């Protein structure tokens, strides 16, 4: 299968922002609320541009089953998949196409068990595909196919603030580190982070941090 080069953001006249939301909490989500402030400021700074909202809890993501896995193994190895495999993987390609149609990315993600919600992992497993978002060469290894000039804004929330060196959960942070790794794998290296911690703490601790995150999001959006 041959996939053409995804258009660079420099090829686009109007910006297109894909907001991937990973919280099931809707308006009660801390990461979602900060991301909403970012989107509002981004719209003001980029009049006429578009925002595609994708919530991984409500989006009907395709299963990546045995047929799709067989397709992926063959494409990665430079082999020809069967017509049945190609047909089976079409819903996966459709999700990848929607991802590539954007030229700016926003991910709002709560921390779950030191990492990301399983629904976001499902989405990322769907979009990391050979010949579409990454490629493999036995001589040179893997290379990302998504243009690196597309910026990514992460809005991350965490219940506490113990992930720094020496903290209670030192070495347990697999939220930001995982997202940077998988996005970098497909070519997205301009990754910026807004991190809201202590969301599980009492109001007097949480609210000043939330206000600071809102301010950071509103300040970051215009130049994103």
C-alpha atoms as a PDB file:
ATOM      1  CA  UNK A   1       0.000   0.000   0.000  1.00  0.00           C
ATOM      2  CA  UNK A   2       1.360   3.447  -0.873  1.00  0.00           C
ATOM      3  CA  UNK A   3       0.316   6.430   1.194  1.00  0.00           C
ATOM      4  CA  UNK A   4       1.309   9.882   0.023  1.00  0.00           C
ATOM      5  CA  UNK A   5       3.164  12.303   2.276  1.00  0.00           C
ATOM      6  CA  UNK A   6       0.762  13.863   4.768  1.00  0.00           C
ATOM      7  CA  UNK A   7       0.434  17.586   4.056  1.00  0.00           C
ATOM      8  CA  UNK A   8       2.662  19.791   6.189  1.00  0.00           C
ATOM      9  CA  UNK A   9       1.018  22.474   8.299  1.00  0.00           C
ATOM     10  CA  UNK A  10       2.900  24.932   6.092  1.00  0.00           C
ATOM     11  CA  UNK A  11       0.800  23.676   3.173  1.00  0.00           C
ATOM     12  CA  UNK A  12      -2.415  24.686   4.944  1.00  0.00           C
ATOM     13  CA  UNK A  13      -3.980  28.128   4.779  1.00  0.00           C
ATOM     14  CA  UNK A  14      -6.367  27.707   7.731  1.00  0.00           C
ATOM     15  CA  UNK A  15      -5.259  25.785  10.794  1.00  0.00           C
ATOM     16  CA  UNK A  16      -7.060  22.624  11.852  1.00  0.00           C
ATOM     17  CA  UNK A  17      -6.860  21.597  15.493  1.00  0.00           C
ATOM     18  CA  UNK A  18      -7.724  18.061  16.585  1.00  0.00           C
ATOM     19  CA  UNK A  19      -8.626  17.891  20.270  1.00  0.00           C
ATOM     20  CA  UNK A  20      -8.346  14.346  21.594  1.00  0.00           C
ATOM     21  CA  UNK A  21     -10.114  14.199  24.948  1.00  0.00           C
ATOM     22  CA  UNK A  22      -9.362  11.210  27.179  1.00  0.00           C
ATOM     23  CA  UNK A  23     -11.566  11.859  30.203  1.00  0.00           C
ATOM     24  CA  UNK A  24     -15.025  10.298  30.718  1.00  0.00           C
ATOM     25  CA  UNK A  25     -15.912  13.063  33.214  1.00  0.00           C
ATOM     26  CA  UNK A  26     -17.147  15.586  30.637  1.00  0.00           C
ATOM     27  CA  UNK A  27     -17.468  19.099  32.129  1.00  0.00           C
ATOM     28  CA  UNK A  28     -16.254  17.809  35.519  1.00  0.00           C
ATOM     29  CA  UNK A  29     -12.896  16.844  34.044  1.00  0.00           C
ATOM     30  CA  UNK A  30      -9.985  18.985  35.199  1.00  0.00           C
ATOM     31  CA  UNK A  31      -7.928  18.258  32.085  1.00  0.00           C
ATOM     32  CA  UNK A  32     -11.011  18.897  29.954  1.00  0.00           C
ATOM     33  CA  UNK A  33     -11.762  22.235  31.589  1.00  0.00           C
ATOM     34  CA  UNK A  34      -8.205  23.491  31.067  1.00  0.00           C
ATOM     35  CA  UNK A  35      -8.279  22.213  27.479  1.00  0.00           C
ATOM     36  CA  UNK A  36     -11.573  24.044  26.886  1.00  0.00           C
ATOM     37  CA  UNK A  37      -9.920  27.289  27.967  1.00  0.00           C
ATOM     38  CA  UNK A  38      -7.049  26.554  25.571  1.00  0.00           C
ATOM     39  CA  UNK A  39      -9.462  25.878  22.682  1.00  0.00           C
ATOM     40  CA  UNK A  40     -11.429  29.063  23.349  1.00  0.00           C
ATOM     41  CA  UNK A  41      -8.263  31.193  23.339  1.00  0.00           C
ATOM     42  CA  UNK A  42      -6.980  29.365  20.248  1.00  0.00           C
ATOM     43  CA  UNK A  43     -10.197  30.072  18.346  1.00  0.00           C
ATOM     44  CA  UNK A  44      -9.933  33.776  19.148  1.00  0.00           C
ATOM     45  CA  UNK A  45      -6.309  33.897  18.011  1.00  0.00           C
ATOM     46  CA  UNK A  46      -6.989  31.869  14.850  1.00  0.00           C
ATOM     47  CA  UNK A  47     -10.269  33.168  13.397  1.00  0.00           C
ATOM     48  CA  UNK A  48     -11.706  30.973  10.681  1.00  0.00           C
ATOM     49  CA  UNK A  49      -9.725  27.936  11.758  1.00  0.00           C
ATOM     50  CA  UNK A  50     -11.470  24.704  12.722  1.00  0.00           C
ATOM     51  CA  UNK A  51     -11.523  22.474  15.799  1.00  0.00           C
ATOM     52  CA  UNK A  52     -12.316  18.771  15.569  1.00  0.00           C
ATOM     53  CA  UNK A  53     -13.399  17.388  18.958  1.00  0.00           C
ATOM     54  CA  UNK A  54     -12.721  13.677  19.423  1.00  0.00           C
ATOM     55  CA  UNK A  55     -13.556  12.056  22.754  1.00  0.00           C
ATOM     56  CA  UNK A  56     -12.123   8.555  22.975  1.00  0.00           C
ATOM     57  CA  UNK A  57     -14.934   7.533  25.333  1.00  0.00           C
ATOM     58  CA  UNK A  58     -17.715   8.267  22.855  1.00  0.00           C
ATOM     59  CA  UNK A  59     -15.915   7.771  19.533  1.00  0.00           C
ATOM     60  CA  UNK A  60     -16.634   4.307  18.014  1.00  0.00           C
ATOM     61  CA  UNK A  61     -13.008   3.219  17.667  1.00  0.00           C
ATOM     62  CA  UNK A  62     -12.438   0.087  15.580  1.00  0.00           C
ATOM     63  CA  UNK A  63     -11.143  -3.068  17.196  1.00  0.00           C
ATOM     64  CA  UNK A  64      -7.595  -3.942  16.243  1.00  0.00           C
ATOM     65  CA  UNK A  65      -8.172  -7.671  15.873  1.00  0.00           C
ATOM     66  CA  UNK A  66      -6.341 -10.633  14.319  1.00  0.00           C
ATOM     67  CA  UNK A  67      -7.133  -9.561  10.748  1.00  0.00           C
ATOM     68  CA  UNK A  68      -5.872  -6.016  11.307  1.00  0.00           C
ATOM     69  CA  UNK A  69      -2.807  -7.343  13.113  1.00  0.00           C
ATOM     70  CA  UNK A  70      -2.026  -9.624  10.179  1.00  0.00           C
ATOM     71  CA  UNK A  71      -2.309  -6.626   7.831  1.00  0.00           C
ATOM     72  CA  UNK A  72       0.056  -4.595  10.019  1.00  0.00           C
ATOM     73  CA  UNK A  73       2.672  -7.342  10.228  1.00  0.00           C
ATOM     74  CA  UNK A  74       2.670  -7.799   6.450  1.00  0.00           C
ATOM     75  CA  UNK A  75       2.832  -4.079   5.638  1.00  0.00           C
ATOM     76  CA  UNK A  76       5.647  -3.541   8.152  1.00  0.00           C
ATOM     77  CA  UNK A  77       7.580  -6.429   6.587  1.00  0.00           C
ATOM     78  CA  UNK A  78       7.008  -5.108   3.052  1.00  0.00           C
ATOM     79  CA  UNK A  79       4.662  -7.961   2.145  1.00  0.00           C
ATOM     80  CA  UNK A  80       1.357  -7.747   0.298  1.00  0.00           C
ATOM     81  CA  UNK A  81      -1.731  -8.109   2.523  1.00  0.00           C
ATOM     82  CA  UNK A  82      -4.760  -9.984   1.247  1.00  0.00           C
ATOM     83  CA  UNK A  83      -7.842  -8.196  -0.064  1.00  0.00           C
ATOM     84  CA  UNK A  84      -9.711  -9.441   2.996  1.00  0.00           C
ATOM     85  CA  UNK A  85      -7.111  -7.930   5.310  1.00  0.00           C
ATOM     86  CA  UNK A  86      -7.169  -4.613   3.447  1.00  0.00           C
ATOM     87  CA  UNK A  87     -10.962  -4.472   3.680  1.00  0.00           C
ATOM     88  CA  UNK A  88     -10.900  -5.339   7.380  1.00  0.00           C
ATOM     89  CA  UNK A  89      -8.443  -2.563   8.203  1.00  0.00           C
ATOM     90  CA  UNK A  90     -10.343   0.210   6.380  1.00  0.00           C
ATOM     91  CA  UNK A  91     -11.995   1.535   9.593  1.00  0.00           C
ATOM     92  CA  UNK A  92      -8.506   1.839  11.092  1.00  0.00           C
ATOM     93  CA  UNK A  93      -7.291   3.772   8.045  1.00  0.00           C
ATOM     94  CA  UNK A  94     -10.321   6.081   8.352  1.00  0.00           C
ATOM     95  CA  UNK A  95      -9.323   6.976  11.931  1.00  0.00           C
ATOM     96  CA  UNK A  96      -5.736   7.587  10.774  1.00  0.00           C
ATOM     97  CA  UNK A  97      -6.974   9.824   7.957  1.00  0.00           C
ATOM     98  CA  UNK A  98      -8.955  11.965  10.378  1.00  0.00           C
ATOM     99  CA  UNK A  99      -5.847  12.314  12.537  1.00  0.00           C
ATOM    100  CA  UNK A 100      -3.698  13.349   9.571  1.00  0.00           C
ATOM    101  CA  UNK A 101      -6.238  15.904   8.381  1.00  0.00           C
ATOM    102  CA  UNK A 102      -5.324  18.063  11.369  1.00  0.00           C
ATOM    103  CA  UNK A 103      -2.164  20.137  11.570  1.00  0.00           C
ATOM    104  CA  UNK A 104      -2.346  21.038  15.282  1.00  0.00           C
ATOM    105  CA  UNK A 105      -3.015  18.542  18.087  1.00  0.00           C
ATOM    106  CA  UNK A 106      -4.360  18.966  21.605  1.00  0.00           C
ATOM    107  CA  UNK A 107      -4.559  16.028  24.027  1.00  0.00           C
ATOM    108  CA  UNK A 108      -6.365  16.458  27.362  1.00  0.00           C
ATOM    109  CA  UNK A 109      -5.498  13.477  29.518  1.00  0.00           C
ATOM    110  CA  UNK A 110      -6.044  12.525  33.156  1.00  0.00           C
ATOM    111  CA  UNK A 111      -3.542  10.231  34.829  1.00  0.00           C
ATOM    112  CA  UNK A 112      -4.905   6.748  35.484  1.00  0.00           C
ATOM    113  CA  UNK A 113      -2.802   4.297  37.476  1.00  0.00           C
ATOM    114  CA  UNK A 114       0.387   6.231  36.651  1.00  0.00           C
ATOM    115  CA  UNK A 115      -0.365   6.260  32.888  1.00  0.00           C
ATOM    116  CA  UNK A 116      -3.184   7.162  30.461  1.00  0.00           C
ATOM    117  CA  UNK A 117      -6.786   5.869  30.290  1.00  0.00           C
ATOM    118  CA  UNK A 118      -7.112   2.614  28.363  1.00  0.00           C
ATOM    119  CA  UNK A 119      -9.392   4.228  25.795  1.00  0.00           C
ATOM    120  CA  UNK A 120      -6.623   6.639  24.797  1.00  0.00           C
ATOM    121  CA  UNK A 121      -4.207   3.717  24.524  1.00  0.00           C
ATOM    122  CA  UNK A 122      -6.748   2.102  22.164  1.00  0.00           C
ATOM    123  CA  UNK A 123      -6.864   5.248  20.021  1.00  0.00           C
ATOM    124  CA  UNK A 124      -3.078   5.517  19.838  1.00  0.00           C
ATOM    125  CA  UNK A 125      -2.775   1.827  18.947  1.00  0.00           C
ATOM    126  CA  UNK A 126      -5.167   2.486  16.062  1.00  0.00           C
ATOM    127  CA  UNK A 127      -3.326   5.497  14.608  1.00  0.00           C
ATOM    128  CA  UNK A 128       0.232   4.106  14.836  1.00  0.00           C
ATOM    129  CA  UNK A 129       0.251   2.260  11.512  1.00  0.00           C
ATOM    130  CA  UNK A 130       2.932   1.373   8.940  1.00  0.00           C
ATOM    131  CA  UNK A 131       2.835   3.317   5.713  1.00  0.00           C
ATOM    132  CA  UNK A 132       0.481   5.873   7.269  1.00  0.00           C
ATOM    133  CA  UNK A 133       1.999   7.435  10.389  1.00  0.00           C
ATOM    134  CA  UNK A 134       5.282   5.502  10.549  1.00  0.00           C
ATOM    135  CA  UNK A 135       7.495   3.304   8.397  1.00  0.00           C
ATOM    136  CA  UNK A 136      10.102   0.599   8.925  1.00  0.00           C
ATOM    137  CA  UNK A 137      13.296  -0.059   7.015  1.00  0.00           C
ATOM    138  CA  UNK A 138      15.415  -3.062   8.082  1.00  0.00           C
ATOM    139  CA  UNK A 139      18.567  -1.017   7.453  1.00  0.00           C
ATOM    140  CA  UNK A 140      17.630   2.225   9.170  1.00  0.00           C
ATOM    141  CA  UNK A 141      14.831   1.203  11.532  1.00  0.00           C
ATOM    142  CA  UNK A 142      11.606   3.084  12.237  1.00  0.00           C
ATOM    143  CA  UNK A 143      10.790   6.604  11.049  1.00  0.00           C
ATOM    144  CA  UNK A 144       7.783   8.801  11.765  1.00  0.00           C
ATOM    145  CA  UNK A 145       5.740   9.946   8.775  1.00  0.00           C
ATOM    146  CA  UNK A 146       3.735  12.735  10.422  1.00  0.00           C
ATOM    147  CA  UNK A 147       5.394  16.097   9.627  1.00  0.00           C
ATOM    148  CA  UNK A 148       7.412  17.281  12.641  1.00  0.00           C
ATOM    149  CA  UNK A 149       6.305  20.898  12.187  1.00  0.00           C
ATOM    150  CA  UNK A 150       2.854  20.039  13.553  1.00  0.00           C
ATOM    151  CA  UNK A 151       2.723  21.158  17.201  1.00  0.00           C
ATOM    152  CA  UNK A 152       1.175  19.114  20.007  1.00  0.00           C
ATOM    153  CA  UNK A 153      -0.193  20.561  23.239  1.00  0.00           C
ATOM    154  CA  UNK A 154      -0.657  18.168  26.151  1.00  0.00           C
ATOM    155  CA  UNK A 155      -2.974  19.132  29.001  1.00  0.00           C
ATOM    156  CA  UNK A 156      -2.347  16.607  31.764  1.00  0.00           C
ATOM    157  CA  UNK A 157      -4.047  16.271  35.142  1.00  0.00           C
ATOM    158  CA  UNK A 158      -2.864  14.246  38.141  1.00  0.00           C
ATOM    159  CA  UNK A 159      -4.359  13.587  41.548  1.00  0.00           C
ATOM    160  CA  UNK A 160      -1.176  14.386  43.462  1.00  0.00           C
ATOM    161  CA  UNK A 161       2.296  15.834  43.020  1.00  0.00           C
ATOM    162  CA  UNK A 162       4.634  13.022  44.053  1.00  0.00           C
ATOM    163  CA  UNK A 163       6.295  12.168  40.711  1.00  0.00           C
ATOM    164  CA  UNK A 164       9.378  14.352  41.113  1.00  0.00           C
ATOM    165  CA  UNK A 165      12.742  12.755  42.024  1.00  0.00           C
ATOM    166  CA  UNK A 166      12.575  11.604  45.608  1.00  0.00           C
ATOM    167  CA  UNK A 167       8.783  11.790  45.726  1.00  0.00           C
ATOM    168  CA  UNK A 168       6.495   8.977  46.805  1.00  0.00           C
ATOM    169  CA  UNK A 169       5.926   7.887  43.187  1.00  0.00           C
ATOM    170  CA  UNK A 170       9.344   8.667  41.775  1.00  0.00           C
ATOM    171  CA  UNK A 171       9.754   6.453  38.685  1.00  0.00           C
ATOM    172  CA  UNK A 172       6.001   5.855  38.298  1.00  0.00           C
ATOM    173  CA  UNK A 173       5.243   8.616  35.773  1.00  0.00           C
ATOM    174  CA  UNK A 174       4.077   6.924  32.560  1.00  0.00           C
ATOM    175  CA  UNK A 175       1.624   9.595  31.417  1.00  0.00           C
ATOM    176  CA  UNK A 176       3.639  12.429  29.860  1.00  0.00           C
ATOM    177  CA  UNK A 177       6.630  10.190  29.139  1.00  0.00           C
ATOM    178  CA  UNK A 178       4.486   7.659  27.248  1.00  0.00           C
ATOM    179  CA  UNK A 179       2.692  10.316  25.208  1.00  0.00           C
ATOM    180  CA  UNK A 180       5.945  12.019  24.234  1.00  0.00           C
ATOM    181  CA  UNK A 181       7.426   8.652  23.251  1.00  0.00           C
ATOM    182  CA  UNK A 182       4.540   7.440  21.081  1.00  0.00           C
ATOM    183  CA  UNK A 183       3.945  10.835  19.448  1.00  0.00           C
ATOM    184  CA  UNK A 184       7.661  11.166  18.747  1.00  0.00           C
ATOM    185  CA  UNK A 185       7.630   7.684  17.233  1.00  0.00           C
ATOM    186  CA  UNK A 186       5.221   8.866  14.517  1.00  0.00           C
ATOM    187  CA  UNK A 187       7.159  12.089  13.924  1.00  0.00           C
ATOM    188  CA  UNK A 188       5.601  14.628  16.297  1.00  0.00           C
ATOM    189  CA  UNK A 189       8.491  16.126  18.240  1.00  0.00           C
ATOM    190  CA  UNK A 190       7.147  19.632  19.000  1.00  0.00           C
ATOM    191  CA  UNK A 191       5.304  18.538  22.146  1.00  0.00           C
ATOM    192  CA  UNK A 192       4.407  21.044  24.864  1.00  0.00           C
ATOM    193  CA  UNK A 193       2.913  20.292  28.274  1.00  0.00           C
ATOM    194  CA  UNK A 194       0.593  21.957  30.750  1.00  0.00           C
ATOM    195  CA  UNK A 195       0.471  19.829  33.898  1.00  0.00           C
ATOM    196  CA  UNK A 196      -2.183  20.279  36.586  1.00  0.00           C
ATOM    197  CA  UNK A 197      -1.384  18.374  39.777  1.00  0.00           C
ATOM    198  CA  UNK A 198      -3.151  17.927  43.124  1.00  0.00           C
ATOM    199  CA  UNK A 199      -6.634  17.560  41.628  1.00  0.00           C
ATOM    200  CA  UNK A 200      -7.507  15.113  44.442  1.00  0.00           C
ATOM    201  CA  UNK A 201      -6.456  17.588  47.142  1.00  0.00           C
ATOM    202  CA  UNK A 202      -8.774  19.903  49.130  1.00  0.00           C
ATOM    203  CA  UNK A 203     -10.099  23.019  47.423  1.00  0.00           C
ATOM    204  CA  UNK A 204      -7.607  25.371  49.061  1.00  0.00           C
ATOM    205  CA  UNK A 205      -4.742  23.397  47.516  1.00  0.00           C
ATOM    206  CA  UNK A 206      -6.337  22.509  44.184  1.00  0.00           C
ATOM    207  CA  UNK A 207      -7.976  25.787  43.129  1.00  0.00           C
ATOM    208  CA  UNK A 208      -4.827  27.962  42.939  1.00  0.00           C
ATOM    209  CA  UNK A 209      -3.191  25.287  40.784  1.00  0.00           C
ATOM    210  CA  UNK A 210      -6.279  25.089  38.579  1.00  0.00           C
ATOM    211  CA  UNK A 211      -6.307  28.877  38.155  1.00  0.00           C
ATOM    212  CA  UNK A 212      -2.622  28.786  37.205  1.00  0.00           C
ATOM    213  CA  UNK A 213      -3.310  26.056  34.626  1.00  0.00           C
ATOM    214  CA  UNK A 214      -6.131  28.118  33.096  1.00  0.00           C
ATOM    215  CA  UNK A 215      -3.781  31.092  32.840  1.00  0.00           C
ATOM    216  CA  UNK A 216      -1.037  28.961  31.290  1.00  0.00           C
ATOM    217  CA  UNK A 217      -3.463  27.522  28.720  1.00  0.00           C
ATOM    218  CA  UNK A 218      -4.841  30.919  27.731  1.00  0.00           C
ATOM    219  CA  UNK A 219      -1.306  32.307  27.389  1.00  0.00           C
ATOM    220  CA  UNK A 220      -0.038  29.371  25.341  1.00  0.00           C
ATOM    221  CA  UNK A 221      -2.904  29.141  22.845  1.00  0.00           C
ATOM    222  CA  UNK A 222      -2.340  32.293  20.755  1.00  0.00           C
ATOM    223  CA  UNK A 223       1.160  31.259  19.643  1.00  0.00           C
ATOM    224  CA  UNK A 224       0.332  27.574  19.185  1.00  0.00           C
END
